Amino acid sequence: MDSTAYVQLAVWFFGVLIAAGAVLWLWNTTLPRVFPGRVRALGFFEALRLMLLAWLLFGAGAFGLTYALGAGIW
C-alpha cells in the first residue's frame, strides 16, 4: 500500500468515529425526550454498533458514506 492508501484509511476511520459520535449525540438528545422513561442514553460503542447495524441493514448510502469512502470500491 502506498501512502495515499494509508491517508484514505485514516480519513475513513476518523469519519466512522465522527459519525458514531453524531449518532450518540442525536440519540441521547432526542429519543429520551420523545419517549421519557422508556429509552436510555447510549454509550459511544453502543452508538457505533447501532450505526454499523444501520449501515448493514440500509446500506452505506443511508449515511452518505458511499461517496465519502470512494464510490465504486464495493
PDB file of N, CA and C in Angstrom:
ATOM      1  N   MET A   1       0.846  -1.189   0.000  1.00  0.00           N
ATOM      2  CA  MET A   1       0.000   0.000   0.000  1.00  0.00           C
ATOM      3  C   MET A   1       0.883   1.241   0.000  1.00  0.00           C
ATOM      4  N   ASP A   2       0.473   2.199  -0.791  1.00  0.00           N
ATOM      5  CA  ASP A   2       1.227   3.432  -0.810  1.00  0.00           C
ATOM      6  C   ASP A   2       0.706   4.394   0.257  1.00  0.00           C
ATOM      7  N   SER A   3       1.326   5.533   0.387  1.00  0.00           N
ATOM      8  CA  SER A   3       0.983   6.462   1.468  1.00  0.00           C
ATOM      9  C   SER A   3      -0.413   7.048   1.295  1.00  0.00           C
ATOM     10  N   THR A   4      -0.896   7.191   0.069  1.00  0.00           N
ATOM     11  CA  THR A   4      -2.240   7.740  -0.107  1.00  0.00           C
ATOM     12  C   THR A   4      -3.300   6.761   0.389  1.00  0.00           C
ATOM     13  N   ALA A   5      -3.048   5.474   0.288  1.00  0.00           N
ATOM     14  CA  ALA A   5      -3.994   4.485   0.804  1.00  0.00           C
ATOM     15  C   ALA A   5      -4.082   4.579   2.322  1.00  0.00           C
ATOM     16  N   TYR A   6      -2.941   4.810   2.981  1.00  0.00           N
ATOM     17  CA  TYR A   6      -2.958   4.973   4.431  1.00  0.00           C
ATOM     18  C   TYR A   6      -3.701   6.227   4.841  1.00  0.00           C
ATOM     19  N   VAL A   7      -3.536   7.278   4.087  1.00  0.00           N
ATOM     20  CA  VAL A   7      -4.253   8.529   4.381  1.00  0.00           C
ATOM     21  C   VAL A   7      -5.748   8.319   4.204  1.00  0.00           C
ATOM     22  N   GLN A   8      -6.151   7.651   3.131  1.00  0.00           N
ATOM     23  CA  GLN A   8      -7.573   7.386   2.909  1.00  0.00           C
ATOM     24  C   GLN A   8      -8.148   6.504   4.007  1.00  0.00           C
ATOM     25  N   LEU A   9      -7.389   5.517   4.445  1.00  0.00           N
ATOM     26  CA  LEU A   9      -7.840   4.649   5.530  1.00  0.00           C
ATOM     27  C   LEU A   9      -7.987   5.432   6.831  1.00  0.00           C
ATOM     28  N   ALA A  10      -7.057   6.318   7.116  1.00  0.00           N
ATOM     29  CA  ALA A  10      -7.131   7.144   8.321  1.00  0.00           C
ATOM     30  C   ALA A  10      -8.330   8.087   8.270  1.00  0.00           C
ATOM     31  N   VAL A  11      -8.572   8.679   7.106  1.00  0.00           N
ATOM     32  CA  VAL A  11      -9.723   9.573   6.955  1.00  0.00           C
ATOM     33  C   VAL A  11     -11.012   8.790   7.140  1.00  0.00           C
ATOM     34  N   TRP A  12     -11.084   7.593   6.572  1.00  0.00           N
ATOM     35  CA  TRP A  12     -12.272   6.757   6.743  1.00  0.00           C
ATOM     36  C   TRP A  12     -12.492   6.407   8.209  1.00  0.00           C
ATOM     37  N   PHE A  13     -11.423   6.023   8.900  1.00  0.00           N
ATOM     38  CA  PHE A  13     -11.518   5.640  10.303  1.00  0.00           C
ATOM     39  C   PHE A  13     -12.030   6.802  11.152  1.00  0.00           C
ATOM     40  N   PHE A  14     -11.465   7.982  10.964  1.00  0.00           N
ATOM     41  CA  PHE A  14     -11.923   9.140  11.735  1.00  0.00           C
ATOM     42  C   PHE A  14     -13.331   9.552  11.335  1.00  0.00           C
ATOM     43  N   GLY A  15     -13.698   9.342  10.085  1.00  0.00           N
ATOM     44  CA  GLY A  15     -15.067   9.606   9.665  1.00  0.00           C
ATOM     45  C   GLY A  15     -16.064   8.700  10.365  1.00  0.00           C
ATOM     46  N   VAL A  16     -15.701   7.436  10.519  1.00  0.00           N
ATOM     47  CA  VAL A  16     -16.570   6.495  11.241  1.00  0.00           C
ATOM     48  C   VAL A  16     -16.704   6.912  12.703  1.00  0.00           C
ATOM     49  N   LEU A  17     -15.601   7.325  13.321  1.00  0.00           N
ATOM     50  CA  LEU A  17     -15.660   7.784  14.714  1.00  0.00           C
ATOM     51  C   LEU A  17     -16.532   9.024  14.861  1.00  0.00           C
ATOM     52  N   ILE A  18     -16.422   9.951  13.934  1.00  0.00           N
ATOM     53  CA  ILE A  18     -17.245  11.159  13.990  1.00  0.00           C
ATOM     54  C   ILE A  18     -18.711  10.819  13.757  1.00  0.00           C
ATOM     55  N   ALA A  19     -18.989   9.925  12.820  1.00  0.00           N
ATOM     56  CA  ALA A  19     -20.370   9.519  12.566  1.00  0.00           C
ATOM     57  C   ALA A  19     -20.963   8.819  13.783  1.00  0.00           C
ATOM     58  N   ALA A  20     -20.183   7.977  14.453  1.00  0.00           N
ATOM     59  CA  ALA A  20     -20.672   7.310  15.666  1.00  0.00           C
ATOM     60  C   ALA A  20     -20.938   8.343  16.757  1.00  0.00           C
ATOM     61  N   GLY A  21     -20.096   9.346  16.860  1.00  0.00           N
ATOM     62  CA  GLY A  21     -20.340  10.428  17.825  1.00  0.00           C
ATOM     63  C   GLY A  21     -21.605  11.193  17.495  1.00  0.00           C
ATOM     64  N   ALA A  22     -21.882  11.383  16.205  1.00  0.00           N
ATOM     65  CA  ALA A  22     -23.114  12.061  15.803  1.00  0.00           C
ATOM     66  C   ALA A  22     -24.337  11.223  16.158  1.00  0.00           C
ATOM     67  N   VAL A  23     -24.257   9.901  15.936  1.00  0.00           N
ATOM     68  CA  VAL A  23     -25.366   9.014  16.319  1.00  0.00           C
ATOM     69  C   VAL A  23     -25.579   9.075  17.826  1.00  0.00           C
ATOM     70  N   LEU A  24     -24.504   9.031  18.585  1.00  0.00           N
ATOM     71  CA  LEU A  24     -24.580   9.114  20.041  1.00  0.00           C
ATOM     72  C   LEU A  24     -25.268  10.407  20.469  1.00  0.00           C
ATOM     73  N   TRP A  25     -24.834  11.531  19.922  1.00  0.00           N
ATOM     74  CA  TRP A  25     -25.390  12.825  20.313  1.00  0.00           C
ATOM     75  C   TRP A  25     -26.858  12.927  19.911  1.00  0.00           C
ATOM     76  N   LEU A  26     -27.189  12.527  18.672  1.00  0.00           N
ATOM     77  CA  LEU A  26     -28.571  12.614  18.225  1.00  0.00           C
ATOM     78  C   LEU A  26     -29.499  11.719  19.047  1.00  0.00           C
ATOM     79  N   TRP A  27     -29.055  10.514  19.330  1.00  0.00           N
ATOM     80  CA  TRP A  27     -29.868   9.599  20.128  1.00  0.00           C
ATOM     81  C   TRP A  27     -30.096  10.160  21.524  1.00  0.00           C
ATOM     82  N   ASN A  28     -29.013  10.572  22.180  1.00  0.00           N
ATOM     83  CA  ASN A  28     -29.106  10.997  23.576  1.00  0.00           C
ATOM     84  C   ASN A  28     -29.819  12.332  23.752  1.00  0.00           C
ATOM     85  N   THR A  29     -29.856  13.167  22.723  1.00  0.00           N
ATOM     86  CA  THR A  29     -30.563  14.437  22.857  1.00  0.00           C
ATOM     87  C   THR A  29     -32.003  14.362  22.384  1.00  0.00           C
ATOM     88  N   THR A  30     -32.347  13.355  21.600  1.00  0.00           N
ATOM     89  CA  THR A  30     -33.691  13.301  21.021  1.00  0.00           C
ATOM     90  C   THR A  30     -34.585  12.233  21.646  1.00  0.00           C
ATOM     91  N   LEU A  31     -34.181  10.989  21.578  1.00  0.00           N
ATOM     92  CA  LEU A  31     -35.086   9.901  21.949  1.00  0.00           C
ATOM     93  C   LEU A  31     -35.489   9.874  23.424  1.00  0.00           C
ATOM     94  N   PRO A  32     -34.587  10.105  24.386  1.00  0.00           N
ATOM     95  CA  PRO A  32     -35.063  10.110  25.772  1.00  0.00           C
ATOM     96  C   PRO A  32     -36.075  11.217  26.058  1.00  0.00           C
ATOM     97  N   ARG A  33     -36.035  12.304  25.296  1.00  0.00           N
ATOM     98  CA  ARG A  33     -37.027  13.371  25.474  1.00  0.00           C
ATOM     99  C   ARG A  33     -38.353  13.019  24.812  1.00  0.00           C
ATOM    100  N   VAL A  34     -38.292  12.316  23.701  1.00  0.00           N
ATOM    101  CA  VAL A  34     -39.513  11.932  22.995  1.00  0.00           C
ATOM    102  C   VAL A  34     -40.221  10.802  23.739  1.00  0.00           C
ATOM    103  N   PHE A  35     -39.455   9.852  24.253  1.00  0.00           N
ATOM    104  CA  PHE A  35     -40.009   8.709  24.981  1.00  0.00           C
ATOM    105  C   PHE A  35     -39.438   8.689  26.403  1.00  0.00           C
ATOM    106  N   PRO A  36     -39.883   9.594  27.279  1.00  0.00           N
ATOM    107  CA  PRO A  36     -39.283   9.653  28.623  1.00  0.00           C
ATOM    108  C   PRO A  36     -39.535   8.369  29.414  1.00  0.00           C
ATOM    109  N   GLY A  37     -38.480   7.882  30.053  1.00  0.00           N
ATOM    110  CA  GLY A  37     -38.593   6.692  30.876  1.00  0.00           C
ATOM    111  C   GLY A  37     -38.556   5.383  30.110  1.00  0.00           C
ATOM    112  N   ARG A  38     -38.583   5.427  28.802  1.00  0.00           N
ATOM    113  CA  ARG A  38     -38.600   4.193  28.011  1.00  0.00           C
ATOM    114  C   ARG A  38     -37.307   3.962  27.249  1.00  0.00           C
ATOM    115  N   VAL A  39     -36.557   5.016  26.979  1.00  0.00           N
ATOM    116  CA  VAL A  39     -35.325   4.910  26.195  1.00  0.00           C
ATOM    117  C   VAL A  39     -34.189   5.458  27.034  1.00  0.00           C
ATOM    118  N   ARG A  40     -33.130   4.684  27.178  1.00  0.00           N
ATOM    119  CA  ARG A  40     -31.989   5.148  27.956  1.00  0.00           C
ATOM    120  C   ARG A  40     -30.932   5.746  27.042  1.00  0.00           C
ATOM    121  N   ALA A  41     -30.013   6.470  27.616  1.00  0.00           N
ATOM    122  CA  ALA A  41     -28.920   7.065  26.856  1.00  0.00           C
ATOM    123  C   ALA A  41     -27.957   5.979  26.400  1.00  0.00           C
ATOM    124  N   LEU A  42     -27.293   6.225  25.288  1.00  0.00           N
ATOM    125  CA  LEU A  42     -26.330   5.292  24.723  1.00  0.00           C
ATOM    126  C   LEU A  42     -24.918   5.665  25.120  1.00  0.00           C
ATOM    127  N   GLY A  43     -24.059   4.673  25.174  1.00  0.00           N
ATOM    128  CA  GLY A  43     -22.630   4.909  25.276  1.00  0.00           C
ATOM    129  C   GLY A  43     -22.038   4.994  23.874  1.00  0.00           C
ATOM    130  N   PHE A  44     -20.767   5.382  23.781  1.00  0.00           N
ATOM    131  CA  PHE A  44     -20.156   5.573  22.470  1.00  0.00           C
ATOM    132  C   PHE A  44     -20.127   4.288  21.653  1.00  0.00           C
ATOM    133  N   PHE A  45     -19.716   3.183  22.244  1.00  0.00           N
ATOM    134  CA  PHE A  45     -19.603   1.939  21.478  1.00  0.00           C
ATOM    135  C   PHE A  45     -20.971   1.362  21.138  1.00  0.00           C
ATOM    136  N   GLU A  46     -21.993   1.653  21.943  1.00  0.00           N
ATOM    137  CA  GLU A  46     -23.357   1.271  21.569  1.00  0.00           C
ATOM    138  C   GLU A  46     -23.811   2.070  20.355  1.00  0.00           C
ATOM    139  N   ALA A  47     -23.454   3.350  20.318  1.00  0.00           N
ATOM    140  CA  ALA A  47     -23.789   4.178  19.158  1.00  0.00           C
ATOM    141  C   ALA A  47     -23.055   3.689  17.916  1.00  0.00           C
ATOM    142  N   LEU A  48     -21.804   3.286  18.091  1.00  0.00           N
ATOM    143  CA  LEU A  48     -21.034   2.755  16.965  1.00  0.00           C
ATOM    144  C   LEU A  48     -21.671   1.474  16.440  1.00  0.00           C
ATOM    145  N   ARG A  49     -22.072   0.580  17.341  1.00  0.00           N
ATOM    146  CA  ARG A  49     -22.729  -0.662  16.911  1.00  0.00           C
ATOM    147  C   ARG A  49     -24.061  -0.372  16.222  1.00  0.00           C
ATOM    148  N   LEU A  50     -24.822   0.601  16.747  1.00  0.00           N
ATOM    149  CA  LEU A  50     -26.095   0.962  16.136  1.00  0.00           C
ATOM    150  C   LEU A  50     -25.882   1.525  14.739  1.00  0.00           C
ATOM    151  N   MET A  51     -24.870   2.372  14.582  1.00  0.00           N
ATOM    152  CA  MET A  51     -24.571   2.943  13.281  1.00  0.00           C
ATOM    153  C   MET A  51     -24.145   1.858  12.289  1.00  0.00           C
ATOM    154  N   LEU A  52     -23.297   0.947  12.722  1.00  0.00           N
ATOM    155  CA  LEU A  52     -22.852  -0.131  11.836  1.00  0.00           C
ATOM    156  C   LEU A  52     -23.995  -1.076  11.483  1.00  0.00           C
ATOM    157  N   LEU A  53     -24.890  -1.319  12.432  1.00  0.00           N
ATOM    158  CA  LEU A  53     -26.061  -2.153  12.148  1.00  0.00           C
ATOM    159  C   LEU A  53     -26.945  -1.486  11.102  1.00  0.00           C
ATOM    160  N   ALA A  54     -27.189  -0.188  11.264  1.00  0.00           N
ATOM    161  CA  ALA A  54     -27.987   0.530  10.270  1.00  0.00           C
ATOM    162  C   ALA A  54     -27.292   0.527   8.922  1.00  0.00           C
ATOM    163  N   TRP A  55     -25.974   0.618   8.941  1.00  0.00           N
ATOM    164  CA  TRP A  55     -25.213   0.588   7.697  1.00  0.00           C
ATOM    165  C   TRP A  55     -25.395  -0.768   7.008  1.00  0.00           C
ATOM    166  N   LEU A  56     -25.359  -1.837   7.772  1.00  0.00           N
ATOM    167  CA  LEU A  56     -25.552  -3.164   7.189  1.00  0.00           C
ATOM    168  C   LEU A  56     -26.975  -3.350   6.668  1.00  0.00           C
ATOM    169  N   LEU A  57     -27.957  -2.836   7.398  1.00  0.00           N
ATOM    170  CA  LEU A  57     -29.345  -3.031   7.010  1.00  0.00           C
ATOM    171  C   LEU A  57     -29.760  -2.162   5.836  1.00  0.00           C
ATOM    172  N   PHE A  58     -29.328  -0.926   5.832  1.00  0.00           N
ATOM    173  CA  PHE A  58     -29.815   0.032   4.843  1.00  0.00           C
ATOM    174  C   PHE A  58     -28.777   0.429   3.805  1.00  0.00           C
ATOM    175  N   GLY A  59     -27.570  -0.016   3.961  1.00  0.00           N
ATOM    176  CA  GLY A  59     -26.519   0.314   3.004  1.00  0.00           C
ATOM    177  C   GLY A  59     -25.791   1.580   3.400  1.00  0.00           C
ATOM    178  N   ALA A  60     -24.583   1.699   2.925  1.00  0.00           N
ATOM    179  CA  ALA A  60     -23.760   2.850   3.262  1.00  0.00           C
ATOM    180  C   ALA A  60     -24.366   4.139   2.744  1.00  0.00           C
ATOM    181  N   GLY A  61     -25.192   4.070   1.727  1.00  0.00           N
ATOM    182  CA  GLY A  61     -25.820   5.272   1.191  1.00  0.00           C
ATOM    183  C   GLY A  61     -26.740   5.942   2.193  1.00  0.00           C
ATOM    184  N   ALA A  62     -27.217   5.191   3.202  1.00  0.00           N
ATOM    185  CA  ALA A  62     -28.087   5.780   4.210  1.00  0.00           C
ATOM    186  C   ALA A  62     -27.366   6.857   5.011  1.00  0.00           C
ATOM    187  N   PHE A  63     -26.052   6.748   5.131  1.00  0.00           N
ATOM    188  CA  PHE A  63     -25.276   7.749   5.863  1.00  0.00           C
ATOM    189  C   PHE A  63     -24.486   8.646   4.916  1.00  0.00           C
ATOM    190  N   GLY A  64     -24.642   8.444   3.623  1.00  0.00           N
ATOM    191  CA  GLY A  64     -23.876   9.212   2.665  1.00  0.00           C
ATOM    192  C   GLY A  64     -22.412   8.791   2.602  1.00  0.00           C
ATOM    193  N   LEU A  65     -22.083   7.632   3.146  1.00  0.00           N
ATOM    194  CA  LEU A  65     -20.696   7.199   3.196  1.00  0.00           C
ATOM    195  C   LEU A  65     -20.219   6.577   1.895  1.00  0.00           C
ATOM    196  N   THR A  66     -21.140   6.228   1.007  1.00  0.00           N
ATOM    197  CA  THR A  66     -20.732   5.614  -0.244  1.00  0.00           C
ATOM    198  C   THR A  66     -19.785   6.519  -1.000  1.00  0.00           C
ATOM    199  N   TYR A  67     -20.125   7.787  -1.072  1.00  0.00           N
ATOM    200  CA  TYR A  67     -19.294   8.729  -1.810  1.00  0.00           C
ATOM    201  C   TYR A  67     -18.114   9.197  -0.991  1.00  0.00           C
ATOM    202  N   ALA A  68     -18.277   9.284   0.329  1.00  0.00           N
ATOM    203  CA  ALA A  68     -17.180   9.703   1.183  1.00  0.00           C
ATOM    204  C   ALA A  68     -16.065   8.665   1.189  1.00  0.00           C
ATOM    205  N   LEU A  69     -16.416   7.395   1.080  1.00  0.00           N
ATOM    206  CA  LEU A  69     -15.427   6.335   1.099  1.00  0.00           C
ATOM    207  C   LEU A  69     -14.864   6.035  -0.278  1.00  0.00           C
ATOM    208  N   GLY A  70     -15.427   6.654  -1.289  1.00  0.00           N
ATOM    209  CA  GLY A  70     -14.947   6.415  -2.646  1.00  0.00           C
ATOM    210  C   GLY A  70     -15.906   5.493  -3.377  1.00  0.00           C
ATOM    211  N   ALA A  71     -16.801   6.055  -4.138  1.00  0.00           N
ATOM    212  CA  ALA A  71     -17.797   5.259  -4.865  1.00  0.00           C
ATOM    213  C   ALA A  71     -17.087   4.291  -5.800  1.00  0.00           C
ATOM    214  N   GLY A  72     -17.604   3.119  -5.874  1.00  0.00           N
ATOM    215  CA  GLY A  72     -17.048   2.121  -6.767  1.00  0.00           C
ATOM    216  C   GLY A  72     -16.113   1.135  -6.084  1.00  0.00           C
ATOM    217  N   ILE A  73     -15.827   1.349  -4.793  1.00  0.00           N
ATOM    218  CA  ILE A  73     -14.980   0.397  -4.086  1.00  0.00           C
ATOM    219  C   ILE A  73     -15.710  -0.912  -3.877  1.00  0.00           C
ATOM    220  N   TRP A  74     -16.996  -0.814  -3.555  1.00  0.00           N
ATOM    221  CA  TRP A  74     -17.766  -2.026  -3.303  1.00  0.00           C
ATOM    222  C   TRP A  74     -18.516  -2.379  -4.549  1.00  0.00           C
TER     223      TRP A  74
END
